[in-house]
Amino acid sequence: MANNGIFQDWGANKGNPKGRLVMMLFRVAHGLRRSLLLFILFIPYFLFYRFFVEWLLGIELPWKTRIGPGFRVDHGQALVVNDGTVFGSGCTVRNSTTIGNKMNKEGGYTRAPIFGDRVDIGANAVIIGAITIGNDVAIGAGSVVLKDVPANHIAVGNPARFIPRSPSA
């Protein structure tokens, strides 16, 4: 649990006390859940996490979610992330964003999205389904992303269309 991203998250959320608090609580819960014995011993912590982070702060960030170091929660409110989601390092997620799976034609659910490194997600974005988002991608505010986004692109609109990212962006 020593190198689990707490310090990188702390730096990424500089000037953002809510983001720092949420990510510190998340990293502790994520580390504790890896051992059945620790999970059982710390059930009160998991209940506190669920009550405080999800119910009071309005950030649904399950402790099973895989998140790389340097994760930034910007204006965390009304954020919903599926526990099967995988984030690379240096990603930013803003308020009112929904990230998850969707029901397929057979009645089951798809996997959740997988994000590369340095993905910047704008407010009120919806990203669902068994898709992969490449490295250095920006997802515009209010965009609905249902297909893979190639690396170094910007996804904008509903449904999202992809624009190559200029080297200076």
C-alpha atoms as a PDB file:
ATOM      1  CA  MET A   1       0.000   0.000   0.000  1.00  0.00           C
ATOM      2  CA  ALA A   2       3.070   2.262   0.211  1.00  0.00           C
ATOM      3  CA  ASN A   3       3.215   3.251  -3.464  1.00  0.00           C
ATOM      4  CA  ASN A   4      -0.480   3.586  -4.191  1.00  0.00           C
ATOM      5  CA  GLY A   5      -0.582   7.129  -5.561  1.00  0.00           C
ATOM      6  CA  ILE A   6      -1.523   9.135  -2.432  1.00  0.00           C
ATOM      7  CA  PHE A   7       1.368  11.590  -2.849  1.00  0.00           C
ATOM      8  CA  GLN A   8       0.836  11.998  -6.607  1.00  0.00           C
ATOM      9  CA  ASP A   9      -2.903  12.570  -6.017  1.00  0.00           C
ATOM     10  CA  TRP A  10      -2.076  15.109  -3.302  1.00  0.00           C
ATOM     11  CA  GLY A  11       0.057  17.073  -5.764  1.00  0.00           C
ATOM     12  CA  ALA A  12      -2.464  16.779  -8.601  1.00  0.00           C
ATOM     13  CA  ASN A  13      -5.180  18.214  -6.339  1.00  0.00           C
ATOM     14  CA  LYS A  14      -3.124  21.197  -5.143  1.00  0.00           C
ATOM     15  CA  GLY A  15      -5.480  23.998  -4.100  1.00  0.00           C
ATOM     16  CA  ASN A  16      -8.375  21.527  -4.084  1.00  0.00           C
ATOM     17  CA  PRO A  17      -8.962  20.348  -0.492  1.00  0.00           C
ATOM     18  CA  LYS A  18     -12.072  18.332  -1.390  1.00  0.00           C
ATOM     19  CA  GLY A  19     -10.203  16.481  -4.144  1.00  0.00           C
ATOM     20  CA  ARG A  20      -7.302  15.794  -1.788  1.00  0.00           C
ATOM     21  CA  LEU A  21      -9.615  14.432   0.901  1.00  0.00           C
ATOM     22  CA  VAL A  22     -11.611  12.227  -1.472  1.00  0.00           C
ATOM     23  CA  MET A  23      -8.514  10.749  -3.092  1.00  0.00           C
ATOM     24  CA  MET A  24      -6.800  10.107   0.253  1.00  0.00           C
ATOM     25  CA  LEU A  25      -9.903   8.299   1.546  1.00  0.00           C
ATOM     26  CA  PHE A  26     -10.174   6.395  -1.755  1.00  0.00           C
ATOM     27  CA  ARG A  27      -6.520   5.253  -1.723  1.00  0.00           C
ATOM     28  CA  VAL A  28      -6.803   3.973   1.844  1.00  0.00           C
ATOM     29  CA  ALA A  29     -10.018   2.053   1.051  1.00  0.00           C
ATOM     30  CA  HIS A  30      -8.565   0.722  -2.214  1.00  0.00           C
ATOM     31  CA  GLY A  31      -5.460  -0.539  -0.401  1.00  0.00           C
ATOM     32  CA  LEU A  32      -7.391  -2.104   2.472  1.00  0.00           C
ATOM     33  CA  ARG A  33      -9.774  -4.001   0.196  1.00  0.00           C
ATOM     34  CA  ARG A  34      -6.940  -6.052  -1.318  1.00  0.00           C
ATOM     35  CA  SER A  35      -6.798  -8.331   1.732  1.00  0.00           C
ATOM     36  CA  LEU A  36      -9.880 -10.190   2.988  1.00  0.00           C
ATOM     37  CA  LEU A  37      -8.645  -9.951   6.575  1.00  0.00           C
ATOM     38  CA  LEU A  38      -8.063  -6.193   6.321  1.00  0.00           C
ATOM     39  CA  PHE A  39     -11.415  -5.758   4.603  1.00  0.00           C
ATOM     40  CA  ILE A  40     -13.187  -7.532   7.459  1.00  0.00           C
ATOM     41  CA  LEU A  41     -11.234  -5.640  10.139  1.00  0.00           C
ATOM     42  CA  PHE A  42     -11.940  -2.288   8.509  1.00  0.00           C
ATOM     43  CA  ILE A  43     -15.626  -2.720   7.642  1.00  0.00           C
ATOM     44  CA  PRO A  44     -16.428   0.426   9.689  1.00  0.00           C
ATOM     45  CA  TYR A  45     -13.989   2.379   7.482  1.00  0.00           C
ATOM     46  CA  PHE A  46     -15.693   1.140   4.311  1.00  0.00           C
ATOM     47  CA  LEU A  47     -19.087   2.112   5.732  1.00  0.00           C
ATOM     48  CA  PHE A  48     -17.707   5.548   6.633  1.00  0.00           C
ATOM     49  CA  TYR A  49     -16.225   5.889   3.117  1.00  0.00           C
ATOM     50  CA  ARG A  50     -19.516   5.025   1.467  1.00  0.00           C
ATOM     51  CA  PHE A  51     -21.536   7.347   3.714  1.00  0.00           C
ATOM     52  CA  PHE A  52     -19.151  10.301   3.655  1.00  0.00           C
ATOM     53  CA  VAL A  53     -17.841  10.265   0.068  1.00  0.00           C
ATOM     54  CA  GLU A  54     -20.922   8.986  -1.738  1.00  0.00           C
ATOM     55  CA  TRP A  55     -23.828  10.274   0.318  1.00  0.00           C
ATOM     56  CA  LEU A  56     -22.496  13.500   1.804  1.00  0.00           C
ATOM     57  CA  LEU A  57     -20.052  14.621  -0.885  1.00  0.00           C
ATOM     58  CA  GLY A  58     -22.014  13.197  -3.844  1.00  0.00           C
ATOM     59  CA  ILE A  59     -19.051  11.402  -5.423  1.00  0.00           C
ATOM     60  CA  GLU A  60     -19.666   7.782  -6.368  1.00  0.00           C
ATOM     61  CA  LEU A  61     -16.088   6.510  -6.607  1.00  0.00           C
ATOM     62  CA  PRO A  62     -16.106   2.830  -5.565  1.00  0.00           C
ATOM     63  CA  TRP A  63     -12.984   1.615  -3.793  1.00  0.00           C
ATOM     64  CA  LYS A  64     -12.617  -1.224  -6.344  1.00  0.00           C
ATOM     65  CA  THR A  65     -12.045   1.230  -9.210  1.00  0.00           C
ATOM     66  CA  ARG A  66      -8.493   1.060 -10.601  1.00  0.00           C
ATOM     67  CA  ILE A  67      -6.983   4.535 -10.716  1.00  0.00           C
ATOM     68  CA  GLY A  68      -3.431   5.462 -11.675  1.00  0.00           C
ATOM     69  CA  PRO A  69      -1.409   8.018  -9.705  1.00  0.00           C
ATOM     70  CA  GLY A  70      -2.013  11.749 -10.037  1.00  0.00           C
ATOM     71  CA  PHE A  71      -5.809  11.541 -10.293  1.00  0.00           C
ATOM     72  CA  ARG A  72      -7.609  14.886  -9.969  1.00  0.00           C
ATOM     73  CA  VAL A  73     -11.228  15.276  -8.884  1.00  0.00           C
ATOM     74  CA  ASP A  74     -12.142  18.805  -9.973  1.00  0.00           C
ATOM     75  CA  HIS A  75     -15.322  20.294  -8.471  1.00  0.00           C
ATOM     76  CA  GLY A  76     -16.346  16.844  -7.234  1.00  0.00           C
ATOM     77  CA  GLN A  77     -20.130  16.743  -7.145  1.00  0.00           C
ATOM     78  CA  ALA A  78     -22.590  14.413  -8.870  1.00  0.00           C
ATOM     79  CA  LEU A  79     -19.703  12.258 -10.121  1.00  0.00           C
ATOM     80  CA  VAL A  80     -20.586   8.626 -10.910  1.00  0.00           C
ATOM     81  CA  VAL A  81     -17.834   6.127 -11.766  1.00  0.00           C
ATOM     82  CA  ASN A  82     -18.462   2.407 -12.318  1.00  0.00           C
ATOM     83  CA  ASP A  83     -16.258   0.159 -10.188  1.00  0.00           C
ATOM     84  CA  GLY A  84     -14.966  -1.624 -13.301  1.00  0.00           C
ATOM     85  CA  THR A  85     -13.519   1.573 -14.754  1.00  0.00           C
ATOM     86  CA  VAL A  86      -9.731   1.772 -15.197  1.00  0.00           C
ATOM     87  CA  PHE A  87      -7.868   5.101 -15.262  1.00  0.00           C
ATOM     88  CA  GLY A  88      -4.266   5.649 -16.278  1.00  0.00           C
ATOM     89  CA  SER A  89      -2.025   8.182 -14.567  1.00  0.00           C
ATOM     90  CA  GLY A  90      -2.580  11.934 -14.512  1.00  0.00           C
ATOM     91  CA  CYS A  91      -6.305  11.895 -15.325  1.00  0.00           C
ATOM     92  CA  THR A  92      -8.778  14.644 -14.382  1.00  0.00           C
ATOM     93  CA  VAL A  93     -12.528  14.197 -13.879  1.00  0.00           C
ATOM     94  CA  ARG A  94     -14.942  17.075 -13.358  1.00  0.00           C
ATOM     95  CA  ASN A  95     -18.386  17.404 -11.805  1.00  0.00           C
ATOM     96  CA  SER A  96     -21.603  15.809 -13.035  1.00  0.00           C
ATOM     97  CA  THR A  97     -19.741  13.191 -15.067  1.00  0.00           C
ATOM     98  CA  THR A  98     -21.052   9.650 -15.565  1.00  0.00           C
ATOM     99  CA  ILE A  99     -18.624   6.844 -16.436  1.00  0.00           C
ATOM    100  CA  GLY A 100     -19.918   3.308 -16.645  1.00  0.00           C
ATOM    101  CA  ASN A 101     -21.109   0.267 -18.509  1.00  0.00           C
ATOM    102  CA  LYS A 102     -24.297  -0.246 -20.465  1.00  0.00           C
ATOM    103  CA  MET A 103     -26.746  -3.062 -20.986  1.00  0.00           C
ATOM    104  CA  ASN A 104     -26.075  -5.127 -24.088  1.00  0.00           C
ATOM    105  CA  LYS A 105     -28.649  -6.819 -26.306  1.00  0.00           C
ATOM    106  CA  GLU A 106     -28.332 -10.151 -24.471  1.00  0.00           C
ATOM    107  CA  GLY A 107     -29.396  -8.525 -21.203  1.00  0.00           C
ATOM    108  CA  GLY A 108     -26.000  -8.494 -19.487  1.00  0.00           C
ATOM    109  CA  TYR A 109     -23.702  -5.534 -19.037  1.00  0.00           C
ATOM    110  CA  THR A 110     -20.636  -4.474 -20.982  1.00  0.00           C
ATOM    111  CA  ARG A 111     -17.358  -3.701 -19.278  1.00  0.00           C
ATOM    112  CA  ALA A 112     -16.712  -0.141 -18.167  1.00  0.00           C
ATOM    113  CA  PRO A 113     -14.391   2.239 -20.071  1.00  0.00           C
ATOM    114  CA  ILE A 114     -10.606   2.032 -19.877  1.00  0.00           C
ATOM    115  CA  PHE A 115      -8.727   5.341 -19.906  1.00  0.00           C
ATOM    116  CA  GLY A 116      -5.133   5.951 -20.908  1.00  0.00           C
ATOM    117  CA  ASP A 117      -2.803   8.448 -19.270  1.00  0.00           C
ATOM    118  CA  ARG A 118      -3.445  12.197 -19.036  1.00  0.00           C
ATOM    119  CA  VAL A 119      -7.117  12.106 -19.981  1.00  0.00           C
ATOM    120  CA  ASP A 120      -8.974  15.339 -19.162  1.00  0.00           C
ATOM    121  CA  ILE A 121     -12.745  14.926 -18.813  1.00  0.00           C
ATOM    122  CA  GLY A 122     -14.959  18.013 -18.906  1.00  0.00           C
ATOM    123  CA  ALA A 123     -17.998  18.622 -16.708  1.00  0.00           C
ATOM    124  CA  ASN A 124     -21.248  16.794 -17.438  1.00  0.00           C
ATOM    125  CA  ALA A 125     -19.643  14.276 -19.808  1.00  0.00           C
ATOM    126  CA  VAL A 126     -21.131  10.810 -20.266  1.00  0.00           C
ATOM    127  CA  ILE A 127     -18.716   7.993 -21.142  1.00  0.00           C
ATOM    128  CA  ILE A 128     -20.261   4.536 -21.248  1.00  0.00           C
ATOM    129  CA  GLY A 129     -19.653   1.113 -22.688  1.00  0.00           C
ATOM    130  CA  ALA A 130     -16.775  -1.225 -23.434  1.00  0.00           C
ATOM    131  CA  ILE A 131     -14.607   1.505 -24.916  1.00  0.00           C
ATOM    132  CA  THR A 132     -10.992   2.571 -24.675  1.00  0.00           C
ATOM    133  CA  ILE A 133      -9.884   6.178 -24.380  1.00  0.00           C
ATOM    134  CA  GLY A 134      -6.303   6.766 -25.545  1.00  0.00           C
ATOM    135  CA  ASN A 135      -3.504   8.765 -23.932  1.00  0.00           C
ATOM    136  CA  ASP A 136      -3.591  12.584 -23.975  1.00  0.00           C
ATOM    137  CA  VAL A 137      -7.294  12.824 -24.779  1.00  0.00           C
ATOM    138  CA  ALA A 138      -9.552  15.733 -23.828  1.00  0.00           C
ATOM    139  CA  ILE A 139     -13.277  15.070 -23.535  1.00  0.00           C
ATOM    140  CA  GLY A 140     -15.337  18.232 -23.838  1.00  0.00           C
ATOM    141  CA  ALA A 141     -17.961  19.332 -21.353  1.00  0.00           C
ATOM    142  CA  GLY A 142     -21.336  17.760 -22.056  1.00  0.00           C
ATOM    143  CA  SER A 143     -19.929  15.240 -24.541  1.00  0.00           C
ATOM    144  CA  VAL A 144     -21.445  11.771 -24.864  1.00  0.00           C
ATOM    145  CA  VAL A 145     -18.735   9.251 -25.710  1.00  0.00           C
ATOM    146  CA  LEU A 146     -19.880   5.790 -26.836  1.00  0.00           C
ATOM    147  CA  LYS A 147     -16.939   4.780 -29.077  1.00  0.00           C
ATOM    148  CA  ASP A 148     -13.178   4.388 -28.669  1.00  0.00           C
ATOM    149  CA  VAL A 149     -11.249   7.666 -28.735  1.00  0.00           C
ATOM    150  CA  PRO A 150      -7.790   7.508 -30.329  1.00  0.00           C
ATOM    151  CA  ALA A 151      -4.787   8.968 -28.505  1.00  0.00           C
ATOM    152  CA  ASN A 152      -4.092  12.700 -28.918  1.00  0.00           C
ATOM    153  CA  HIS A 153      -7.661  13.614 -29.845  1.00  0.00           C
ATOM    154  CA  ILE A 154     -10.435  15.794 -28.470  1.00  0.00           C
ATOM    155  CA  ALA A 155     -13.929  14.327 -28.160  1.00  0.00           C
ATOM    156  CA  VAL A 156     -16.762  16.874 -28.395  1.00  0.00           C
ATOM    157  CA  GLY A 157     -20.524  16.809 -28.873  1.00  0.00           C
ATOM    158  CA  ASN A 158     -23.414  14.397 -28.568  1.00  0.00           C
ATOM    159  CA  PRO A 159     -22.662  11.910 -29.962  1.00  0.00           C
ATOM    160  CA  ALA A 160     -18.986  12.761 -29.665  1.00  0.00           C
ATOM    161  CA  ARG A 161     -16.920  13.396 -32.758  1.00  0.00           C
ATOM    162  CA  PHE A 162     -13.142  13.303 -32.636  1.00  0.00           C
ATOM    163  CA  ILE A 163     -10.770  16.108 -33.552  1.00  0.00           C
ATOM    164  CA  PRO A 164      -6.988  15.638 -33.700  1.00  0.00           C
ATOM    165  CA  ARG A 165      -5.309  17.506 -30.879  1.00  0.00           C
ATOM    166  CA  SER A 166      -2.783  20.138 -31.912  1.00  0.00           C
ATOM    167  CA  PRO A 167       0.706  19.712 -30.424  1.00  0.00           C
ATOM    168  CA  SER A 168       0.280  22.850 -28.278  1.00  0.00           C
ATOM    169  CA  ALA A 169      -3.113  21.786 -26.789  1.00  0.00           C
END
